[in-house]
Amino acid sequence: MLTTLKAPGQLGTRWLSEDVPYGLRAWPGLGDAVGVATPVTDDVITLGLAVLHEPLDTNRRTLADMGLEEMDRERMLRYAH
């Protein structure tokens, strides 16, 4: 049986203001580093930041922030394990 969706009633919530720039923004950088395209994620980020009226370079989490900046794909995999 379907239940009522408990989603926010406004767009200026953490679901967008934190998850898009800080959560999703990490994935394209990681994808670039390991040679994996992230076109759908890129589009979701673009739409989310547009809804928030934020520029595309707003508050992104970088590989350096995650301690992965100087690592190649193999080293990232070893680090993750």
C-alpha atoms as a PDB file:
ATOM      1  CA  MET A   1       0.000   0.000   0.000  1.00  0.00           C
ATOM      2  CA  LEU A   2       1.291   3.454  -0.839  1.00  0.00           C
ATOM      3  CA  THR A   3       1.977   5.918   1.951  1.00  0.00           C
ATOM      4  CA  THR A   4       2.255   9.666   1.940  1.00  0.00           C
ATOM      5  CA  LEU A   5       5.676  10.833   0.810  1.00  0.00           C
ATOM      6  CA  LYS A   6       7.470  12.681   3.583  1.00  0.00           C
ATOM      7  CA  ALA A   7       9.402  15.103   1.416  1.00  0.00           C
ATOM      8  CA  PRO A   8      10.222  18.700   2.253  1.00  0.00           C
ATOM      9  CA  GLY A   9       7.601  21.288   1.352  1.00  0.00           C
ATOM     10  CA  GLN A  10      10.187  23.756   0.074  1.00  0.00           C
ATOM     11  CA  LEU A  11      13.296  23.684  -2.090  1.00  0.00           C
ATOM     12  CA  GLY A  12      15.709  25.409   0.308  1.00  0.00           C
ATOM     13  CA  THR A  13      16.319  22.300   2.411  1.00  0.00           C
ATOM     14  CA  ARG A  14      19.416  20.306   3.282  1.00  0.00           C
ATOM     15  CA  TRP A  15      18.439  17.796   0.616  1.00  0.00           C
ATOM     16  CA  LEU A  16      19.527  20.322  -1.961  1.00  0.00           C
ATOM     17  CA  SER A  17      21.656  22.897  -0.150  1.00  0.00           C
ATOM     18  CA  GLU A  18      24.028  20.300   1.335  1.00  0.00           C
ATOM     19  CA  ASP A  19      23.620  17.116  -0.654  1.00  0.00           C
ATOM     20  CA  VAL A  20      24.122  18.680  -4.082  1.00  0.00           C
ATOM     21  CA  PRO A  21      27.228  20.823  -3.510  1.00  0.00           C
ATOM     22  CA  TYR A  22      28.913  18.649  -0.886  1.00  0.00           C
ATOM     23  CA  GLY A  23      27.694  15.124  -1.635  1.00  0.00           C
ATOM     24  CA  LEU A  24      27.073  14.900  -5.347  1.00  0.00           C
ATOM     25  CA  ARG A  25      29.803  17.353  -6.348  1.00  0.00           C
ATOM     26  CA  ALA A  26      32.455  14.866  -5.190  1.00  0.00           C
ATOM     27  CA  TRP A  27      31.474  12.173  -7.685  1.00  0.00           C
ATOM     28  CA  PRO A  28      32.381  13.858 -11.012  1.00  0.00           C
ATOM     29  CA  GLY A  29      35.873  14.655  -9.710  1.00  0.00           C
ATOM     30  CA  LEU A  30      36.321  11.073  -8.620  1.00  0.00           C
ATOM     31  CA  GLY A  31      34.946   9.846 -11.946  1.00  0.00           C
ATOM     32  CA  ASP A  32      37.391  12.056 -13.855  1.00  0.00           C
ATOM     33  CA  ALA A  33      40.280  10.729 -11.786  1.00  0.00           C
ATOM     34  CA  VAL A  34      39.456   7.102 -12.602  1.00  0.00           C
ATOM     35  CA  GLY A  35      38.235   7.610 -16.177  1.00  0.00           C
ATOM     36  CA  VAL A  36      34.491   7.192 -15.618  1.00  0.00           C
ATOM     37  CA  ALA A  37      32.049   9.670 -17.145  1.00  0.00           C
ATOM     38  CA  THR A  38      29.287  10.987 -14.870  1.00  0.00           C
ATOM     39  CA  PRO A  39      26.860  12.728 -17.256  1.00  0.00           C
ATOM     40  CA  VAL A  40      23.677  12.066 -15.273  1.00  0.00           C
ATOM     41  CA  THR A  41      25.258  13.186 -12.003  1.00  0.00           C
ATOM     42  CA  ASP A  42      26.605  16.279 -13.768  1.00  0.00           C
ATOM     43  CA  ASP A  43      23.098  17.125 -14.962  1.00  0.00           C
ATOM     44  CA  VAL A  44      21.544  16.582 -11.513  1.00  0.00           C
ATOM     45  CA  ILE A  45      24.176  18.912 -10.036  1.00  0.00           C
ATOM     46  CA  THR A  46      23.483  21.540 -12.691  1.00  0.00           C
ATOM     47  CA  LEU A  47      19.736  21.373 -12.050  1.00  0.00           C
ATOM     48  CA  GLY A  48      20.107  21.351  -8.269  1.00  0.00           C
ATOM     49  CA  LEU A  49      22.394  24.375  -8.242  1.00  0.00           C
ATOM     50  CA  ALA A  50      20.072  26.186 -10.663  1.00  0.00           C
ATOM     51  CA  VAL A  51      17.161  25.603  -8.268  1.00  0.00           C
ATOM     52  CA  LEU A  52      19.313  26.977  -5.442  1.00  0.00           C
ATOM     53  CA  HIS A  53      20.383  29.948  -7.604  1.00  0.00           C
ATOM     54  CA  GLU A  54      24.021  29.009  -7.006  1.00  0.00           C
ATOM     55  CA  PRO A  55      26.866  29.133  -9.539  1.00  0.00           C
ATOM     56  CA  LEU A  56      28.297  25.817 -10.722  1.00  0.00           C
ATOM     57  CA  ASP A  57      31.530  26.337  -8.784  1.00  0.00           C
ATOM     58  CA  THR A  58      29.769  26.713  -5.424  1.00  0.00           C
ATOM     59  CA  ASN A  59      30.996  24.731  -2.411  1.00  0.00           C
ATOM     60  CA  ARG A  60      32.277  21.642  -4.075  1.00  0.00           C
ATOM     61  CA  ARG A  61      34.092  18.835  -2.348  1.00  0.00           C
ATOM     62  CA  THR A  62      37.331  18.156  -4.215  1.00  0.00           C
ATOM     63  CA  LEU A  63      39.699  15.211  -4.364  1.00  0.00           C
ATOM     64  CA  ALA A  64      42.071  17.240  -2.180  1.00  0.00           C
ATOM     65  CA  ASP A  65      39.326  17.587   0.459  1.00  0.00           C
ATOM     66  CA  MET A  66      39.013  13.802   0.485  1.00  0.00           C
ATOM     67  CA  GLY A  67      42.777  13.181   0.599  1.00  0.00           C
ATOM     68  CA  LEU A  68      42.788  11.693  -2.918  1.00  0.00           C
ATOM     69  CA  GLU A  69      44.359  14.494  -4.944  1.00  0.00           C
ATOM     70  CA  GLU A  70      47.697  12.854  -5.767  1.00  0.00           C
ATOM     71  CA  MET A  71      46.386   9.294  -6.104  1.00  0.00           C
ATOM     72  CA  ASP A  72      45.937   7.328  -9.300  1.00  0.00           C
ATOM     73  CA  ARG A  73      43.100   4.840  -9.750  1.00  0.00           C
ATOM     74  CA  GLU A  74      44.991   1.871  -8.294  1.00  0.00           C
ATOM     75  CA  ARG A  75      46.131   3.783  -5.243  1.00  0.00           C
ATOM     76  CA  MET A  76      42.574   5.019  -4.633  1.00  0.00           C
ATOM     77  CA  LEU A  77      41.339   1.430  -4.734  1.00  0.00           C
ATOM     78  CA  ARG A  78      44.007   0.310  -2.251  1.00  0.00           C
ATOM     79  CA  TYR A  79      43.141   3.266   0.000  1.00  0.00           C
ATOM     80  CA  ALA A  80      39.433   2.388  -0.131  1.00  0.00           C
ATOM     81  CA  HIS A  81      40.108  -1.201   0.868  1.00  0.00           C
END
